[in-house]
Amino acid sequence: MPTSTEPFEVLFEFTNDTADFATLQLTRENASNVGVAGPVIRLFPKDSVSLVLNAGATYHYLVKQSQRHAQIS
């Protein structure tokens, strides 16, 4: 799989190490749009995704699996 050749400051790797599928969704939180939904990545068991992030920026994610939800910042 191709990778970024640009320099980056933070690499966030999310791995679904369970037997169920999971979703990872980027969300935005600000004064006017709390919890605005962004793109969704569906991960099957043993799938992983690497996200290249800029240092100093705040990112918000919603992780869902079956009936469980978790917010990550």
PDB file of N, CA and C in Angstrom:
ATOM      1  N   MET A   1       0.843  -1.166   0.000  1.00  0.00           N
ATOM      2  CA  MET A   1       0.000   0.000   0.000  1.00  0.00           C
ATOM      3  C   MET A   1       0.895   1.239   0.000  1.00  0.00           C
ATOM      4  N   PRO A   2       0.590   2.230  -0.826  1.00  0.00           N
ATOM      5  CA  PRO A   2       1.433   3.434  -0.878  1.00  0.00           C
ATOM      6  C   PRO A   2       1.394   4.210   0.437  1.00  0.00           C
ATOM      7  N   THR A   3       2.489   4.848   0.753  1.00  0.00           N
ATOM      8  CA  THR A   3       2.553   5.672   1.958  1.00  0.00           C
ATOM      9  C   THR A   3       2.980   7.076   1.579  1.00  0.00           C
ATOM     10  N   SER A   4       2.751   7.999   2.484  1.00  0.00           N
ATOM     11  CA  SER A   4       3.118   9.387   2.255  1.00  0.00           C
ATOM     12  C   SER A   4       4.635   9.539   2.314  1.00  0.00           C
ATOM     13  N   THR A   5       5.182  10.301   1.377  1.00  0.00           N
ATOM     14  CA  THR A   5       6.616  10.585   1.399  1.00  0.00           C
ATOM     15  C   THR A   5       6.891  11.971   1.978  1.00  0.00           C
ATOM     16  N   GLU A   6       5.824  12.700   2.317  1.00  0.00           N
ATOM     17  CA  GLU A   6       5.970  14.016   2.917  1.00  0.00           C
ATOM     18  C   GLU A   6       6.335  13.859   4.393  1.00  0.00           C
ATOM     19  N   PRO A   7       7.151  14.776   4.917  1.00  0.00           N
ATOM     20  CA  PRO A   7       7.460  14.702   6.345  1.00  0.00           C
ATOM     21  C   PRO A   7       6.202  14.974   7.171  1.00  0.00           C
ATOM     22  N   PHE A   8       6.058  14.285   8.271  1.00  0.00           N
ATOM     23  CA  PHE A   8       4.919  14.482   9.159  1.00  0.00           C
ATOM     24  C   PHE A   8       5.415  14.443  10.591  1.00  0.00           C
ATOM     25  N   GLU A   9       4.575  14.902  11.485  1.00  0.00           N
ATOM     26  CA  GLU A   9       4.998  14.992  12.871  1.00  0.00           C
ATOM     27  C   GLU A   9       4.393  13.915  13.755  1.00  0.00           C
ATOM     28  N   VAL A  10       3.200  13.429  13.412  1.00  0.00           N
ATOM     29  CA  VAL A  10       2.528  12.432  14.241  1.00  0.00           C
ATOM     30  C   VAL A  10       1.897  11.380  13.337  1.00  0.00           C
ATOM     31  N   LEU A  11       2.063  10.122  13.689  1.00  0.00           N
ATOM     32  CA  LEU A  11       1.422   9.029  12.962  1.00  0.00           C
ATOM     33  C   LEU A  11       0.539   8.283  13.954  1.00  0.00           C
ATOM     34  N   PHE A  12      -0.771   8.255  13.684  1.00  0.00           N
ATOM     35  CA  PHE A  12      -1.735   7.568  14.545  1.00  0.00           C
ATOM     36  C   PHE A  12      -2.160   6.292  13.839  1.00  0.00           C
ATOM     37  N   GLU A  13      -1.892   5.152  14.452  1.00  0.00           N
ATOM     38  CA  GLU A  13      -2.276   3.873  13.852  1.00  0.00           C
ATOM     39  C   GLU A  13      -3.376   3.247  14.692  1.00  0.00           C
ATOM     40  N   PHE A  14      -4.477   2.934  14.034  1.00  0.00           N
ATOM     41  CA  PHE A  14      -5.616   2.306  14.699  1.00  0.00           C
ATOM     42  C   PHE A  14      -5.777   0.908  14.134  1.00  0.00           C
ATOM     43  N   THR A  15      -5.770  -0.104  15.000  1.00  0.00           N
ATOM     44  CA  THR A  15      -5.897  -1.504  14.585  1.00  0.00           C
ATOM     45  C   THR A  15      -7.125  -2.112  15.239  1.00  0.00           C
ATOM     46  N   ASN A  16      -7.957  -2.755  14.437  1.00  0.00           N
ATOM     47  CA  ASN A  16      -9.117  -3.466  14.972  1.00  0.00           C
ATOM     48  C   ASN A  16      -8.663  -4.874  15.341  1.00  0.00           C
ATOM     49  N   ASP A  17      -8.417  -5.092  16.611  1.00  0.00           N
ATOM     50  CA  ASP A  17      -7.923  -6.394  17.062  1.00  0.00           C
ATOM     51  C   ASP A  17      -9.034  -7.231  17.698  1.00  0.00           C
ATOM     52  N   THR A  18     -10.277  -6.986  17.277  1.00  0.00           N
ATOM     53  CA  THR A  18     -11.417  -7.734  17.802  1.00  0.00           C
ATOM     54  C   THR A  18     -12.013  -8.615  16.707  1.00  0.00           C
ATOM     55  N   ALA A  19     -13.040  -9.371  17.062  1.00  0.00           N
ATOM     56  CA  ALA A  19     -13.696 -10.270  16.104  1.00  0.00           C
ATOM     57  C   ALA A  19     -14.824  -9.579  15.340  1.00  0.00           C
ATOM     58  N   ASP A  20     -15.194  -8.347  15.714  1.00  0.00           N
ATOM     59  CA  ASP A  20     -16.267  -7.599  15.057  1.00  0.00           C
ATOM     60  C   ASP A  20     -15.690  -6.453  14.242  1.00  0.00           C
ATOM     61  N   PHE A  21     -16.495  -5.951  13.283  1.00  0.00           N
ATOM     62  CA  PHE A  21     -16.027  -4.788  12.545  1.00  0.00           C
ATOM     63  C   PHE A  21     -16.159  -3.549  13.428  1.00  0.00           C
ATOM     64  N   ALA A  22     -15.388  -2.522  13.103  1.00  0.00           N
ATOM     65  CA  ALA A  22     -15.417  -1.261  13.839  1.00  0.00           C
ATOM     66  C   ALA A  22     -15.397  -0.122  12.832  1.00  0.00           C
ATOM     67  N   THR A  23     -15.882   1.039  13.248  1.00  0.00           N
ATOM     68  CA  THR A  23     -15.791   2.221  12.402  1.00  0.00           C
ATOM     69  C   THR A  23     -15.023   3.302  13.146  1.00  0.00           C
ATOM     70  N   LEU A  24     -14.281   4.075  12.401  1.00  0.00           N
ATOM     71  CA  LEU A  24     -13.522   5.209  12.917  1.00  0.00           C
ATOM     72  C   LEU A  24     -13.981   6.422  12.127  1.00  0.00           C
ATOM     73  N   GLN A  25     -14.511   7.433  12.818  1.00  0.00           N
ATOM     74  CA  GLN A  25     -15.065   8.606  12.150  1.00  0.00           C
ATOM     75  C   GLN A  25     -14.416   9.870  12.679  1.00  0.00           C
ATOM     76  N   LEU A  26     -13.970  10.717  11.768  1.00  0.00           N
ATOM     77  CA  LEU A  26     -13.432  12.020  12.127  1.00  0.00           C
ATOM     78  C   LEU A  26     -14.599  12.952  12.407  1.00  0.00           C
ATOM     79  N   THR A  27     -14.561  13.655  13.540  1.00  0.00           N
ATOM     80  CA  THR A  27     -15.599  14.626  13.876  1.00  0.00           C
ATOM     81  C   THR A  27     -14.945  15.959  14.180  1.00  0.00           C
ATOM     82  N   ARG A  28     -15.741  17.008  14.101  1.00  0.00           N
ATOM     83  CA  ARG A  28     -15.258  18.343  14.442  1.00  0.00           C
ATOM     84  C   ARG A  28     -16.048  18.847  15.631  1.00  0.00           C
ATOM     85  N   GLU A  29     -15.379  19.503  16.527  1.00  0.00           N
ATOM     86  CA  GLU A  29     -16.059  20.120  17.658  1.00  0.00           C
ATOM     87  C   GLU A  29     -15.599  21.564  17.749  1.00  0.00           C
ATOM     88  N   ASN A  30     -16.553  22.462  17.572  1.00  0.00           N
ATOM     89  CA  ASN A  30     -16.269  23.877  17.777  1.00  0.00           C
ATOM     90  C   ASN A  30     -17.536  24.533  18.320  1.00  0.00           C
ATOM     91  N   ALA A  31     -17.488  25.820  18.573  1.00  0.00           N
ATOM     92  CA  ALA A  31     -18.597  26.500  19.238  1.00  0.00           C
ATOM     93  C   ALA A  31     -19.908  26.409  18.460  1.00  0.00           C
ATOM     94  N   SER A  32     -19.860  26.456  17.138  1.00  0.00           N
ATOM     95  CA  SER A  32     -21.100  26.471  16.361  1.00  0.00           C
ATOM     96  C   SER A  32     -21.529  25.102  15.855  1.00  0.00           C
ATOM     97  N   ASN A  33     -20.613  24.150  15.717  1.00  0.00           N
ATOM     98  CA  ASN A  33     -20.932  22.838  15.152  1.00  0.00           C
ATOM     99  C   ASN A  33     -20.396  21.717  16.034  1.00  0.00           C
ATOM    100  N   VAL A  34     -21.034  21.480  17.153  1.00  0.00           N
ATOM    101  CA  VAL A  34     -20.564  20.427  18.052  1.00  0.00           C
ATOM    102  C   VAL A  34     -20.886  19.066  17.446  1.00  0.00           C
ATOM    103  N   GLY A  35     -19.858  18.248  17.261  1.00  0.00           N
ATOM    104  CA  GLY A  35     -20.063  16.889  16.788  1.00  0.00           C
ATOM    105  C   GLY A  35     -20.422  16.750  15.329  1.00  0.00           C
ATOM    106  N   VAL A  36     -20.022  17.668  14.469  1.00  0.00           N
ATOM    107  CA  VAL A  36     -20.299  17.552  13.043  1.00  0.00           C
ATOM    108  C   VAL A  36     -19.552  16.340  12.500  1.00  0.00           C
ATOM    109  N   ALA A  37     -20.275  15.491  11.772  1.00  0.00           N
ATOM    110  CA  ALA A  37     -19.698  14.235  11.287  1.00  0.00           C
ATOM    111  C   ALA A  37     -18.798  14.459  10.080  1.00  0.00           C
ATOM    112  N   GLY A  38     -17.762  13.653   9.991  1.00  0.00           N
ATOM    113  CA  GLY A  38     -16.837  13.680   8.873  1.00  0.00           C
ATOM    114  C   GLY A  38     -16.750  12.309   8.231  1.00  0.00           C
ATOM    115  N   PRO A  39     -15.673  12.037   7.514  1.00  0.00           N
ATOM    116  CA  PRO A  39     -15.511  10.753   6.834  1.00  0.00           C
ATOM    117  C   PRO A  39     -15.463   9.575   7.806  1.00  0.00           C
ATOM    118  N   VAL A  40     -15.906   8.414   7.322  1.00  0.00           N
ATOM    119  CA  VAL A  40     -15.955   7.191   8.127  1.00  0.00           C
ATOM    120  C   VAL A  40     -15.095   6.119   7.471  1.00  0.00           C
ATOM    121  N   ILE A  41     -14.326   5.412   8.283  1.00  0.00           N
ATOM    122  CA  ILE A  41     -13.526   4.276   7.816  1.00  0.00           C
ATOM    123  C   ILE A  41     -14.070   3.032   8.500  1.00  0.00           C
ATOM    124  N   ARG A  42     -14.415   2.016   7.710  1.00  0.00           N
ATOM    125  CA  ARG A  42     -14.904   0.756   8.279  1.00  0.00           C
ATOM    126  C   ARG A  42     -13.751  -0.233   8.306  1.00  0.00           C
ATOM    127  N   LEU A  43     -13.484  -0.776   9.482  1.00  0.00           N
ATOM    128  CA  LEU A  43     -12.380  -1.712   9.663  1.00  0.00           C
ATOM    129  C   LEU A  43     -12.915  -3.089  10.028  1.00  0.00           C
ATOM    130  N   PHE A  44     -12.573  -4.063   9.230  1.00  0.00           N
ATOM    131  CA  PHE A  44     -12.931  -5.437   9.522  1.00  0.00           C
ATOM    132  C   PHE A  44     -11.916  -5.997  10.519  1.00  0.00           C
ATOM    133  N   PRO A  45     -12.209  -7.138  11.137  1.00  0.00           N
ATOM    134  CA  PRO A  45     -11.254  -7.705  12.094  1.00  0.00           C
ATOM    135  C   PRO A  45      -9.843  -7.805  11.502  1.00  0.00           C
ATOM    136  N   LYS A  46      -8.868  -7.392  12.281  1.00  0.00           N
ATOM    137  CA  LYS A  46      -7.441  -7.393  11.943  1.00  0.00           C
ATOM    138  C   LYS A  46      -7.039  -6.321  10.935  1.00  0.00           C
ATOM    139  N   ASP A  47      -7.971  -5.476  10.483  1.00  0.00           N
ATOM    140  CA  ASP A  47      -7.625  -4.348   9.620  1.00  0.00           C
ATOM    141  C   ASP A  47      -6.979  -3.253  10.457  1.00  0.00           C
ATOM    142  N   SER A  48      -6.169  -2.425   9.806  1.00  0.00           N
ATOM    143  CA  SER A  48      -5.599  -1.266  10.486  1.00  0.00           C
ATOM    144  C   SER A  48      -5.535  -0.105   9.510  1.00  0.00           C
ATOM    145  N   VAL A  49      -5.467   1.089  10.060  1.00  0.00           N
ATOM    146  CA  VAL A  49      -5.355   2.297   9.260  1.00  0.00           C
ATOM    147  C   VAL A  49      -4.351   3.211   9.954  1.00  0.00           C
ATOM    148  N   SER A  50      -3.532   3.892   9.160  1.00  0.00           N
ATOM    149  CA  SER A  50      -2.565   4.857   9.686  1.00  0.00           C
ATOM    150  C   SER A  50      -2.985   6.243   9.234  1.00  0.00           C
ATOM    151  N   LEU A  51      -3.090   7.166  10.167  1.00  0.00           N
ATOM    152  CA  LEU A  51      -3.476   8.537   9.868  1.00  0.00           C
ATOM    153  C   LEU A  51      -2.293   9.452  10.144  1.00  0.00           C
ATOM    154  N   VAL A  52      -1.975  10.299   9.195  1.00  0.00           N
ATOM    155  CA  VAL A  52      -0.895  11.268   9.346  1.00  0.00           C
ATOM    156  C   VAL A  52      -1.507  12.555   9.896  1.00  0.00           C
ATOM    157  N   LEU A  53      -1.026  12.997  11.051  1.00  0.00           N
ATOM    158  CA  LEU A  53      -1.582  14.156  11.740  1.00  0.00           C
ATOM    159  C   LEU A  53      -0.542  15.255  11.871  1.00  0.00           C
ATOM    160  N   ASN A  54      -1.013  16.483  11.933  1.00  0.00           N
ATOM    161  CA  ASN A  54      -0.134  17.622  12.176  1.00  0.00           C
ATOM    162  C   ASN A  54      -0.010  17.847  13.675  1.00  0.00           C
ATOM    163  N   ALA A  55       1.189  17.990  14.156  1.00  0.00           N
ATOM    164  CA  ALA A  55       1.410  18.260  15.577  1.00  0.00           C
ATOM    165  C   ALA A  55       0.809  19.614  15.930  1.00  0.00           C
ATOM    166  N   GLY A  56       0.225  19.704  17.100  1.00  0.00           N
ATOM    167  CA  GLY A  56      -0.359  20.954  17.563  1.00  0.00           C
ATOM    168  C   GLY A  56      -1.826  21.110  17.214  1.00  0.00           C
ATOM    169  N   ALA A  57      -2.342  20.319  16.285  1.00  0.00           N
ATOM    170  CA  ALA A  57      -3.757  20.381  15.918  1.00  0.00           C
ATOM    171  C   ALA A  57      -4.536  19.400  16.790  1.00  0.00           C
ATOM    172  N   THR A  58      -5.781  19.736  17.088  1.00  0.00           N
ATOM    173  CA  THR A  58      -6.632  18.840  17.868  1.00  0.00           C
ATOM    174  C   THR A  58      -7.544  18.084  16.919  1.00  0.00           C
ATOM    175  N   TYR A  59      -7.565  16.780  17.052  1.00  0.00           N
ATOM    176  CA  TYR A  59      -8.406  15.915  16.232  1.00  0.00           C
ATOM    177  C   TYR A  59      -9.398  15.211  17.142  1.00  0.00           C
ATOM    178  N   HIS A  60     -10.608  14.998  16.635  1.00  0.00           N
ATOM    179  CA  HIS A  60     -11.649  14.303  17.387  1.00  0.00           C
ATOM    180  C   HIS A  60     -12.135  13.129  16.550  1.00  0.00           C
ATOM    181  N   TYR A  61     -12.219  11.957  17.172  1.00  0.00           N
ATOM    182  CA  TYR A  61     -12.654  10.742  16.488  1.00  0.00           C
ATOM    183  C   TYR A  61     -13.752  10.074  17.286  1.00  0.00           C
ATOM    184  N   LEU A  62     -14.637   9.390  16.569  1.00  0.00           N
ATOM    185  CA  LEU A  62     -15.655   8.561  17.189  1.00  0.00           C
ATOM    186  C   LEU A  62     -15.407   7.136  16.726  1.00  0.00           C
ATOM    187  N   VAL A  63     -15.186   6.240  17.674  1.00  0.00           N
ATOM    188  CA  VAL A  63     -14.962   4.825  17.368  1.00  0.00           C
ATOM    189  C   VAL A  63     -16.218   4.072  17.780  1.00  0.00           C
ATOM    190  N   LYS A  64     -16.769   3.283  16.849  1.00  0.00           N
ATOM    191  CA  LYS A  64     -17.973   2.502  17.137  1.00  0.00           C
ATOM    192  C   LYS A  64     -17.693   1.033  16.871  1.00  0.00           C
ATOM    193  N   GLN A  65     -18.232   0.212  17.763  1.00  0.00           N
ATOM    194  CA  GLN A  65     -18.142  -1.235  17.580  1.00  0.00           C
ATOM    195  C   GLN A  65     -19.342  -1.852  18.271  1.00  0.00           C
ATOM    196  N   SER A  66     -20.188  -2.510  17.493  1.00  0.00           N
ATOM    197  CA  SER A  66     -21.436  -3.089  18.007  1.00  0.00           C
ATOM    198  C   SER A  66     -22.201  -2.016  18.769  1.00  0.00           C
ATOM    199  N   GLN A  67     -22.431  -2.222  20.036  1.00  0.00           N
ATOM    200  CA  GLN A  67     -23.177  -1.261  20.857  1.00  0.00           C
ATOM    201  C   GLN A  67     -22.267  -0.296  21.613  1.00  0.00           C
ATOM    202  N   ARG A  68     -20.962  -0.397  21.427  1.00  0.00           N
ATOM    203  CA  ARG A  68     -20.011   0.451  22.158  1.00  0.00           C
ATOM    204  C   ARG A  68     -19.568   1.624  21.294  1.00  0.00           C
ATOM    205  N   HIS A  69     -19.454   2.793  21.936  1.00  0.00           N
ATOM    206  CA  HIS A  69     -18.966   3.998  21.272  1.00  0.00           C
ATOM    207  C   HIS A  69     -17.907   4.634  22.160  1.00  0.00           C
ATOM    208  N   ALA A  70     -16.874   5.187  21.550  1.00  0.00           N
ATOM    209  CA  ALA A  70     -15.835   5.888  22.309  1.00  0.00           C
ATOM    210  C   ALA A  70     -15.414   7.127  21.539  1.00  0.00           C
ATOM    211  N   GLN A  71     -15.236   8.231  22.239  1.00  0.00           N
ATOM    212  CA  GLN A  71     -14.735   9.453  21.627  1.00  0.00           C
ATOM    213  C   GLN A  71     -13.282   9.626  22.021  1.00  0.00           C
ATOM    214  N   ILE A  72     -12.460   9.930  21.022  1.00  0.00           N
ATOM    215  CA  ILE A  72     -11.023  10.100  21.234  1.00  0.00           C
ATOM    216  C   ILE A  72     -10.646  11.499  20.775  1.00  0.00           C
ATOM    217  N   SER A  73      -9.840  12.189  21.565  1.00  0.00           N
ATOM    218  CA  SER A  73      -9.327  13.505  21.175  1.00  0.00           C
ATOM    219  C   SER A  73      -7.829  13.491  21.276  1.00  0.00           C
TER     220      SER A  73
END
